Amino acid sequence: MRADRKKVEPLLRTARGQLDGVLKMIEDDRYCMDIAAQLQAVESLVHKAQREVLRAHLSGCVRQAFEADDEQAREDKIGEIVRLLDKT
């Protein structure tokens, strides 16, 4: 992975902690809007981590494919990004 682990790992560890908190809120039968707000916070952290991984992929792997004299490598990298975007 080319992404900066010092950026990605804390985001995901925080998201994991918040998700554990959400599960506890559900067990405690907390107010649904409070749970929804915490889920949104988890989602935001995961999204930030994903952006960091994608940023590194684009500036590293994809750039390398476009600098190489390999049309298939370029098409493969574009395809990877398109498939990922199609899943969102």
N, C-alpha and C. Protein backbone atom coordinates (compact mmCIF):
# COMPACT_ATOMS: atom_id res chain seq x y z
N MET A 1 0.85 -1.17 0.00
CA MET A 1 0.00 0.00 0.00
C MET A 1 0.90 1.24 0.00
N ARG A 2 0.60 2.16 -0.88
CA ARG A 2 1.39 3.37 -1.00
C ARG A 2 0.87 4.52 -0.14
N ALA A 3 -0.32 4.37 0.38
CA ALA A 3 -0.90 5.44 1.20
C ALA A 3 -0.10 5.58 2.50
N ASP A 4 -0.13 6.76 3.05
CA ASP A 4 0.56 7.05 4.30
C ASP A 4 -0.17 6.36 5.45
N ARG A 5 0.45 5.32 5.97
CA ARG A 5 -0.17 4.55 7.05
C ARG A 5 -0.44 5.42 8.27
N LYS A 6 0.38 6.44 8.48
CA LYS A 6 0.20 7.32 9.63
C LYS A 6 -1.06 8.17 9.51
N LYS A 7 -1.58 8.28 8.30
CA LYS A 7 -2.84 8.98 8.09
C LYS A 7 -4.03 8.02 8.11
N VAL A 8 -3.86 6.87 7.46
CA VAL A 8 -4.97 5.93 7.28
C VAL A 8 -5.30 5.16 8.56
N GLU A 9 -4.29 4.63 9.21
CA GLU A 9 -4.54 3.79 10.39
C GLU A 9 -5.29 4.50 11.51
N PRO A 10 -4.90 5.73 11.88
CA PRO A 10 -5.66 6.40 12.96
C PRO A 10 -7.12 6.64 12.59
N LEU A 11 -7.37 6.95 11.34
CA LEU A 11 -8.76 7.15 10.90
C LEU A 11 -9.57 5.87 11.09
N LEU A 12 -9.00 4.76 10.68
CA LEU A 12 -9.72 3.49 10.77
C LEU A 12 -9.83 2.99 12.20
N ARG A 13 -8.81 3.23 13.00
CA ARG A 13 -8.89 2.85 14.42
C ARG A 13 -9.96 3.67 15.14
N THR A 14 -10.04 4.94 14.82
CA THR A 14 -11.07 5.79 15.41
C THR A 14 -12.45 5.33 14.96
N ALA A 15 -12.58 5.01 13.67
CA ALA A 15 -13.87 4.52 13.15
C ALA A 15 -14.27 3.23 13.84
N ARG A 16 -13.30 2.35 14.05
CA ARG A 16 -13.60 1.08 14.73
C ARG A 16 -14.09 1.35 16.16
N GLY A 17 -13.43 2.27 16.85
CA GLY A 17 -13.86 2.61 18.20
C GLY A 17 -15.25 3.21 18.22
N GLN A 18 -15.53 4.08 17.27
CA GLN A 18 -16.87 4.67 17.19
C GLN A 18 -17.91 3.61 16.86
N LEU A 19 -17.57 2.67 16.00
CA LEU A 19 -18.51 1.62 15.65
C LEU A 19 -18.81 0.74 16.87
N ASP A 20 -17.78 0.46 17.67
CA ASP A 20 -18.03 -0.27 18.92
C ASP A 20 -18.97 0.53 19.82
N GLY A 21 -18.79 1.85 19.83
CA GLY A 21 -19.69 2.70 20.61
C GLY A 21 -21.12 2.65 20.10
N VAL A 22 -21.28 2.59 18.79
CA VAL A 22 -22.61 2.50 18.19
C VAL A 22 -23.28 1.18 18.61
N LEU A 23 -22.52 0.11 18.59
CA LEU A 23 -23.09 -1.18 19.02
C LEU A 23 -23.54 -1.12 20.47
N LYS A 24 -22.76 -0.45 21.31
CA LYS A 24 -23.14 -0.28 22.71
C LYS A 24 -24.41 0.58 22.82
N MET A 25 -24.49 1.61 21.99
CA MET A 25 -25.69 2.45 21.99
C MET A 25 -26.92 1.63 21.63
N ILE A 26 -26.77 0.74 20.67
CA ILE A 26 -27.90 -0.12 20.26
C ILE A 26 -28.29 -1.04 21.40
N GLU A 27 -27.28 -1.65 22.05
CA GLU A 27 -27.56 -2.52 23.20
C GLU A 27 -28.28 -1.77 24.31
N ASP A 28 -27.91 -0.50 24.47
CA ASP A 28 -28.52 0.33 25.53
C ASP A 28 -29.84 0.96 25.09
N ASP A 29 -30.28 0.63 23.88
CA ASP A 29 -31.55 1.14 23.35
C ASP A 29 -31.59 2.66 23.33
N ARG A 30 -30.49 3.26 22.84
CA ARG A 30 -30.39 4.72 22.78
C ARG A 30 -31.27 5.27 21.65
N TYR A 31 -31.47 6.55 21.68
CA TYR A 31 -32.32 7.27 20.72
C TYR A 31 -31.77 7.07 19.30
N CYS A 32 -32.66 6.76 18.37
CA CYS A 32 -32.25 6.40 17.01
C CYS A 32 -31.47 7.51 16.30
N MET A 33 -31.82 8.76 16.54
CA MET A 33 -31.10 9.85 15.87
C MET A 33 -29.68 10.00 16.40
N ASP A 34 -29.46 9.68 17.68
CA ASP A 34 -28.11 9.69 18.22
C ASP A 34 -27.27 8.59 17.56
N ILE A 35 -27.87 7.44 17.37
CA ILE A 35 -27.19 6.33 16.71
C ILE A 35 -26.89 6.69 15.26
N ALA A 36 -27.86 7.28 14.58
CA ALA A 36 -27.66 7.68 13.18
C ALA A 36 -26.52 8.69 13.06
N ALA A 37 -26.44 9.63 13.98
CA ALA A 37 -25.37 10.63 13.95
C ALA A 37 -24.01 9.97 14.14
N GLN A 38 -23.92 9.00 15.02
CA GLN A 38 -22.65 8.31 15.24
C GLN A 38 -22.28 7.45 14.03
N LEU A 39 -23.27 6.85 13.41
CA LEU A 39 -23.00 6.08 12.19
C LEU A 39 -22.48 6.99 11.08
N GLN A 40 -23.03 8.18 11.01
CA GLN A 40 -22.56 9.14 10.02
C GLN A 40 -21.10 9.52 10.28
N ALA A 41 -20.73 9.65 11.55
CA ALA A 41 -19.35 9.96 11.90
C ALA A 41 -18.41 8.82 11.50
N VAL A 42 -18.85 7.59 11.72
CA VAL A 42 -18.05 6.42 11.31
C VAL A 42 -17.87 6.43 9.79
N GLU A 43 -18.95 6.66 9.09
CA GLU A 43 -18.93 6.69 7.63
C GLU A 43 -17.95 7.77 7.13
N SER A 44 -17.96 8.90 7.76
CA SER A 44 -17.07 10.00 7.36
C SER A 44 -15.60 9.62 7.53
N LEU A 45 -15.28 8.98 8.63
CA LEU A 45 -13.89 8.56 8.86
C LEU A 45 -13.45 7.52 7.85
N VAL A 46 -14.31 6.57 7.56
CA VAL A 46 -13.97 5.53 6.57
C VAL A 46 -13.80 6.18 5.20
N HIS A 47 -14.64 7.14 4.88
CA HIS A 47 -14.54 7.84 3.60
C HIS A 47 -13.21 8.60 3.50
N LYS A 48 -12.80 9.25 4.58
CA LYS A 48 -11.52 9.96 4.59
C LYS A 48 -10.36 8.99 4.38
N ALA A 49 -10.43 7.83 5.01
CA ALA A 49 -9.38 6.83 4.83
C ALA A 49 -9.35 6.34 3.38
N GLN A 50 -10.52 6.11 2.81
CA GLN A 50 -10.60 5.66 1.43
C GLN A 50 -10.02 6.71 0.48
N ARG A 51 -10.32 7.97 0.72
CA ARG A 51 -9.77 9.05 -0.12
C ARG A 51 -8.25 9.06 -0.07
N GLU A 52 -7.70 8.86 1.11
CA GLU A 52 -6.25 8.85 1.26
C GLU A 52 -5.63 7.68 0.49
N VAL A 53 -6.25 6.52 0.57
CA VAL A 53 -5.75 5.34 -0.17
C VAL A 53 -5.86 5.59 -1.67
N LEU A 54 -6.97 6.13 -2.12
CA LEU A 54 -7.15 6.42 -3.55
C LEU A 54 -6.19 7.50 -4.04
N ARG A 55 -5.97 8.51 -3.21
CA ARG A 55 -5.03 9.58 -3.58
C ARG A 55 -3.64 8.99 -3.80
N ALA A 56 -3.23 8.12 -2.90
CA ALA A 56 -1.91 7.48 -3.03
C ALA A 56 -1.87 6.58 -4.27
N HIS A 57 -2.95 5.87 -4.53
CA HIS A 57 -3.01 4.99 -5.70
C HIS A 57 -2.89 5.81 -6.99
N LEU A 58 -3.62 6.91 -7.04
CA LEU A 58 -3.57 7.75 -8.24
C LEU A 58 -2.19 8.38 -8.43
N SER A 59 -1.60 8.88 -7.37
CA SER A 59 -0.32 9.56 -7.51
C SER A 59 0.85 8.58 -7.62
N GLY A 60 0.62 7.32 -7.27
CA GLY A 60 1.68 6.32 -7.35
C GLY A 60 1.45 5.33 -8.48
N CYS A 61 0.59 4.39 -8.24
CA CYS A 61 0.35 3.28 -9.18
C CYS A 61 -0.16 3.77 -10.54
N VAL A 62 -1.16 4.65 -10.51
CA VAL A 62 -1.75 5.11 -11.77
C VAL A 62 -0.75 5.98 -12.53
N ARG A 63 -0.08 6.89 -11.82
CA ARG A 63 0.93 7.73 -12.49
C ARG A 63 2.01 6.85 -13.13
N GLN A 64 2.45 5.84 -12.40
CA GLN A 64 3.48 4.94 -12.93
C GLN A 64 3.00 4.24 -14.20
N ALA A 65 1.75 3.81 -14.21
CA ALA A 65 1.21 3.15 -15.40
C ALA A 65 1.15 4.10 -16.59
N PHE A 66 0.84 5.37 -16.33
CA PHE A 66 0.74 6.33 -17.43
C PHE A 66 2.11 6.80 -17.91
N GLU A 67 3.11 6.72 -17.06
CA GLU A 67 4.46 7.09 -17.48
C GLU A 67 5.15 5.96 -18.23
N ALA A 68 4.70 4.74 -18.03
CA ALA A 68 5.26 3.58 -18.72
C ALA A 68 4.71 3.52 -20.14
N ASP A 69 5.41 2.84 -20.98
CA ASP A 69 4.95 2.68 -22.37
C ASP A 69 4.16 1.38 -22.48
N ASP A 70 3.03 1.35 -21.75
CA ASP A 70 2.23 0.13 -21.70
C ASP A 70 0.75 0.50 -21.68
N GLU A 71 0.14 0.47 -22.85
CA GLU A 71 -1.26 0.86 -22.99
C GLU A 71 -2.17 -0.02 -22.13
N GLN A 72 -1.87 -1.31 -22.05
CA GLN A 72 -2.70 -2.23 -21.28
C GLN A 72 -2.66 -1.87 -19.79
N ALA A 73 -1.50 -1.50 -19.29
CA ALA A 73 -1.38 -1.11 -17.88
C ALA A 73 -2.23 0.13 -17.61
N ARG A 74 -2.22 1.07 -18.53
CA ARG A 74 -3.04 2.28 -18.36
C ARG A 74 -4.52 1.92 -18.35
N GLU A 75 -4.94 1.10 -19.29
CA GLU A 75 -6.34 0.68 -19.35
C GLU A 75 -6.74 -0.08 -18.09
N ASP A 76 -5.85 -0.92 -17.58
CA ASP A 76 -6.14 -1.68 -16.36
C ASP A 76 -6.37 -0.75 -15.17
N LYS A 77 -5.53 0.28 -15.05
CA LYS A 77 -5.66 1.21 -13.93
C LYS A 77 -6.95 2.02 -14.04
N ILE A 78 -7.29 2.44 -15.23
CA ILE A 78 -8.55 3.16 -15.43
C ILE A 78 -9.72 2.25 -15.08
N GLY A 79 -9.65 1.02 -15.52
CA GLY A 79 -10.71 0.04 -15.22
C GLY A 79 -10.89 -0.18 -13.72
N GLU A 80 -9.78 -0.23 -12.99
CA GLU A 80 -9.87 -0.40 -11.53
C GLU A 80 -10.64 0.74 -10.89
N ILE A 81 -10.31 1.95 -11.30
CA ILE A 81 -10.97 3.13 -10.73
C ILE A 81 -12.45 3.14 -11.10
N VAL A 82 -12.76 2.85 -12.34
CA VAL A 82 -14.16 2.85 -12.80
C VAL A 82 -14.96 1.79 -12.03
N ARG A 83 -14.40 0.60 -11.87
CA ARG A 83 -15.12 -0.46 -11.13
C ARG A 83 -15.37 -0.04 -9.69
N LEU A 84 -14.40 0.61 -9.09
CA LEU A 84 -14.59 1.07 -7.72
C LEU A 84 -15.69 2.13 -7.64
N LEU A 85 -15.67 3.08 -8.56
CA LEU A 85 -16.69 4.12 -8.59
C LEU A 85 -18.08 3.54 -8.85
N ASP A 86 -18.16 2.50 -9.65
CA ASP A 86 -19.44 1.86 -9.94
C ASP A 86 -20.04 1.22 -8.68
N LYS A 87 -19.21 0.87 -7.71
CA LYS A 87 -19.69 0.23 -6.49
C LYS A 87 -20.25 1.24 -5.49
N THR A 88 -19.97 2.52 -5.69
CA THR A 88 -20.42 3.51 -4.72
C THR A 88 -21.75 4.11 -5.10
